[in-house]
């Protein structure tokens, strides 16, 4: 009967709209075990109209059956038929409240408060299901399968898009690593790139003019206060560089500082010791990022944009910051060429 319902689900057949509403309601339950439960109950009724749709176990009465076994059977078919059962794994009903509870679903105890409205609706739907014959139940089951196949298709599409977005961002990171390290230009490429990365997470990012004597290269501001002070180095930096940054940040009444050390030969710094000294000596939390990849990933995690959009935005912001920072036209064109090569 599952195969017949599957064929109906994949066809253009008109199916009962009422059951589409019922299943959509159960899909909204916090516990996805309820999704597996209504699917299993539908299959049981479509297979044998004599069963009591409100059964959890055979002890429910003369028409009782074990809903857990039906759910486990359906779990073996999810991959081949491409539907999602709600609860994952081989034992989709091996969860509360369908595990070790009353023999009848309408007599369950200890229902979580968040699930209680959905349990009440499930009981109502199962009472209606109990009045159906096998043919009617098969059509209701087809509704379930159609919805759960559509859900699987949607999730797979989202995963493909996420993978593509991740690949897009990875590609941008690689070209940025090449661009920043191949010709630092006195650290100007690293400073401009760092400002562009911060642009992806902050609305107000300030890039110090190359002739400005103030010590902080890049800063992010919130509510008219400096939120993050950033020093960018494209020569090997030591612990004292980080602690000097902490002192400069404290002078600017900023409690957070970031040392971006982008030299390919940058030695490993004791980040824990730097954090401790920065807090104890200056009241500033200092972090160290030692590569283009670390820098991008750190701020990409803070950004609200989808990754694919972020990858495009970052490329555009780098171009703007290069021009703003006074990099020569050859450097700007080099960045554009790398982006176009992708």
Foldseek 3Di string as FASTA:
>chain_A
DLVVLLVVLPDPDDFDVVLLVLLVLLLPQPQLLSLLLVLLLLVVCLVPLQAQSQFCDQVPDPRHHHSQVSSLVVLVCCVVSQFDSRQHDNGSQCDPPSNPADRTLVRGPDDDPSRVVSSVSSVVVSVVSSPDHNVNSSSSSSSSRNVRNVVSVVVVVVVVVLVVLVVLLVLLLVLLLCLCAVPVPQVLLVLLLLQLLVVQQAVDKDADAPPDPQQFGIFGDDPNATAETEDEAQDADALVVQLVSLQSCLVSVYQEYEYEYAHPPHDDYDQVVSQVCSCVVRVHGYGYHYHSVSSNVVSVVNGPDRSNVSSVSSLVSSLVSCVVRPPDPVSSVSSVVSVVVD
